[in-house]
C-alpha atoms as a PDB file:
ATOM      1  CA  MET A   1     -16.844  37.602 -33.573  1.00  0.00           C
ATOM      2  CA  ASP A   2     -19.500  35.259 -31.813  1.00  0.00           C
ATOM      3  CA  ILE A   3     -19.831  32.485 -34.397  1.00  0.00           C
ATOM      4  CA  PRO A   4     -16.209  31.042 -32.685  1.00  0.00           C
ATOM      5  CA  PHE A   5     -16.557  31.537 -29.448  1.00  0.00           C
ATOM      6  CA  TYR A   6     -20.284  29.085 -30.032  1.00  0.00           C
ATOM      7  CA  ILE A   7     -17.842  26.789 -31.768  1.00  0.00           C
ATOM      8  CA  ALA A   8     -16.205  26.585 -29.374  1.00  0.00           C
ATOM      9  CA  SER A   9     -18.779  26.298 -27.237  1.00  0.00           C
ATOM     10  CA  PHE A  10     -20.553  23.677 -28.829  1.00  0.00           C
ATOM     11  CA  LEU A  11     -17.672  21.672 -29.188  1.00  0.00           C
ATOM     12  CA  LEU A  12     -16.881  22.168 -25.178  1.00  0.00           C
ATOM     13  CA  ALA A  13     -20.259  20.907 -24.614  1.00  0.00           C
ATOM     14  CA  ALA A  14     -20.720  17.768 -27.015  1.00  0.00           C
ATOM     15  CA  LEU A  15     -17.187  16.896 -25.223  1.00  0.00           C
ATOM     16  CA  ILE A  16     -18.859  16.989 -21.829  1.00  0.00           C
ATOM     17  CA  LEU A  17     -21.953  15.063 -22.663  1.00  0.00           C
ATOM     18  CA  VAL A  18     -19.867  12.398 -24.672  1.00  0.00           C
ATOM     19  CA  SER A  19     -17.491  11.917 -21.172  1.00  0.00           C
ATOM     20  CA  ILE A  20     -20.451  11.954 -19.169  1.00  0.00           C
ATOM     21  CA  ALA A  21     -22.649   9.403 -21.235  1.00  0.00           C
ATOM     22  CA  GLU A  22     -19.324   6.486 -22.992  1.00  0.00           C
ATOM     23  CA  SER A  23     -17.963   6.727 -18.997  1.00  0.00           C
ATOM     24  CA  ASP A  24     -17.352   3.405 -19.005  1.00  0.00           C
ATOM     25  CA  ARG A  25     -15.981   2.690 -23.074  1.00  0.00           C
ATOM     26  CA  LEU A  26     -14.115   5.566 -22.946  1.00  0.00           C
ATOM     27  CA  VAL A  27     -11.981   3.947 -18.861  1.00  0.00           C
ATOM     28  CA  ARG A  28     -12.342   0.574 -20.422  1.00  0.00           C
ATOM     29  CA  LEU A  29      -9.855   2.785 -23.250  1.00  0.00           C
ATOM     30  CA  VAL A  30      -8.020   3.640 -21.193  1.00  0.00           C
ATOM     31  CA  LYS A  31      -7.535   1.134 -17.544  1.00  0.00           C
ATOM     32  CA  PRO A  32      -8.960  -2.168 -19.719  1.00  0.00           C
ATOM     33  CA  LYS A  33     -11.133  -4.591 -16.923  1.00  0.00           C
ATOM     34  CA  PRO A  34      -7.982  -7.283 -15.299  1.00  0.00           C
ATOM     35  CA  LYS A  35      -8.658 -10.837 -15.654  1.00  0.00           C
ATOM     36  CA  LYS A  36     -10.081 -12.521 -12.353  1.00  0.00           C
ATOM     37  CA  VAL A  37      -9.764 -16.274 -11.912  1.00  0.00           C
ATOM     38  CA  ALA A  38     -13.289 -17.756 -10.260  1.00  0.00           C
ATOM     39  CA  SER A  39     -13.331 -20.207  -8.111  1.00  0.00           C
ATOM     40  CA  GLY A  40     -15.149 -22.284 -10.025  1.00  0.00           C
ATOM     41  CA  SER A  41     -12.414 -22.370 -13.269  1.00  0.00           C
ATOM     42  CA  TRP A  42     -10.903 -24.907 -14.531  1.00  0.00           C
ATOM     43  CA  GLY A  43      -7.729 -24.752 -15.994  1.00  0.00           C
ATOM     44  CA  VAL A  44      -3.664 -26.517 -14.778  1.00  0.00           C
ATOM     45  CA  TYR A  45      -0.403 -24.129 -13.747  1.00  0.00           C
ATOM     46  CA  THR A  46       2.371 -24.801 -15.199  1.00  0.00           C
ATOM     47  CA  GLY A  47       4.485 -26.446 -12.246  1.00  0.00           C
ATOM     48  CA  VAL A  48       1.785 -28.264 -10.542  1.00  0.00           C
ATOM     49  CA  SER A  49       0.360 -31.595 -11.747  1.00  0.00           C
ATOM     50  CA  ALA A  50      -3.629 -31.389 -12.534  1.00  0.00           C
ATOM     51  CA  GLU A  51      -4.250 -34.940 -10.110  1.00  0.00           C
ATOM     52  CA  LYS A  52      -2.332 -32.922  -7.177  1.00  0.00           C
ATOM     53  CA  SER A  53      -4.397 -30.319  -4.347  1.00  0.00           C
ATOM     54  CA  VAL A  54      -2.930 -27.095  -3.850  1.00  0.00           C
ATOM     55  CA  GLY A  55      -5.450 -27.194  -0.629  1.00  0.00           C
ATOM     56  CA  THR A  56      -8.051 -26.300   0.748  1.00  0.00           C
ATOM     57  CA  VAL A  57     -10.405 -22.986   1.878  1.00  0.00           C
ATOM     58  CA  GLU A  58     -12.572 -23.333   5.374  1.00  0.00           C
ATOM     59  CA  VAL A  59     -15.986 -21.156   5.359  1.00  0.00           C
ATOM     60  CA  LYS A  60     -17.105 -19.863   8.338  1.00  0.00           C
ATOM     61  CA  PRO A  61     -20.541 -17.482   9.006  1.00  0.00           C
ATOM     62  CA  LEU A  62     -20.816 -14.518   8.903  1.00  0.00           C
ATOM     63  CA  PRO A  63     -20.509 -13.360  12.839  1.00  0.00           C
ATOM     64  CA  GLY A  64     -23.142 -10.991  14.071  1.00  0.00           C
ATOM     65  CA  ARG A  65     -26.626 -11.665  12.563  1.00  0.00           C
ATOM     66  CA  GLN A  66     -27.512 -11.933   9.176  1.00  0.00           C
ATOM     67  CA  LYS A  67     -30.140  -9.744   7.583  1.00  0.00           C
ATOM     68  CA  VAL A  68     -32.845 -10.874   5.891  1.00  0.00           C
ATOM     69  CA  ILE A  69     -35.303  -9.344   3.191  1.00  0.00           C
ATOM     70  CA  GLY A  70     -38.305  -9.639   4.492  1.00  0.00           C
ATOM     71  CA  GLY A  71     -40.463 -11.353   2.486  1.00  0.00           C
ATOM     72  CA  SER A  72     -37.902 -13.701   0.962  1.00  0.00           C
ATOM     73  CA  ILE A  73     -38.920 -16.931   3.010  1.00  0.00           C
ATOM     74  CA  THR A  74     -42.365 -16.505   1.943  1.00  0.00           C
ATOM     75  CA  TYR A  75     -42.057 -15.249  -1.488  1.00  0.00           C
ATOM     76  CA  ALA A  76     -39.480 -18.586  -2.013  1.00  0.00           C
ATOM     77  CA  ALA A  77     -41.374 -21.422  -0.610  1.00  0.00           C
ATOM     78  CA  GLY A  78     -44.216 -20.332  -2.566  1.00  0.00           C
ATOM     79  CA  ARG A  79     -46.794 -17.915  -0.291  1.00  0.00           C
ATOM     80  CA  GLY A  80     -46.513 -14.166  -1.720  1.00  0.00           C
ATOM     81  CA  VAL A  81     -45.296 -11.604  -0.226  1.00  0.00           C
ATOM     82  CA  LYS A  82     -48.029  -9.765   2.426  1.00  0.00           C
ATOM     83  CA  MET A  83     -47.363  -5.987   1.873  1.00  0.00           C
ATOM     84  CA  ASN A  84     -48.151  -4.179   5.026  1.00  0.00           C
ATOM     85  CA  GLY A  85     -46.704  -5.956   7.411  1.00  0.00           C
ATOM     86  CA  GLY A  86     -48.545  -8.728   8.844  1.00  0.00           C
END
């Protein structure tokens, strides 16, 4: 009487474990990741001349203060990072 319950419980636990451990693979099977075209991609669009400019993009700095991670400037300059805050 208990054996079917144990088998069903084991199968359910295994199914939950696999669905948690392999969730990214299972989601990829159901819904494939859309392809994105980066700004550095090269290609030719149908109906558009390869020599023709399709437009320009204006780049503006973000409003407000820019967050600088502490020590990143000194680390990039090769001086190391002081952990005591000084």
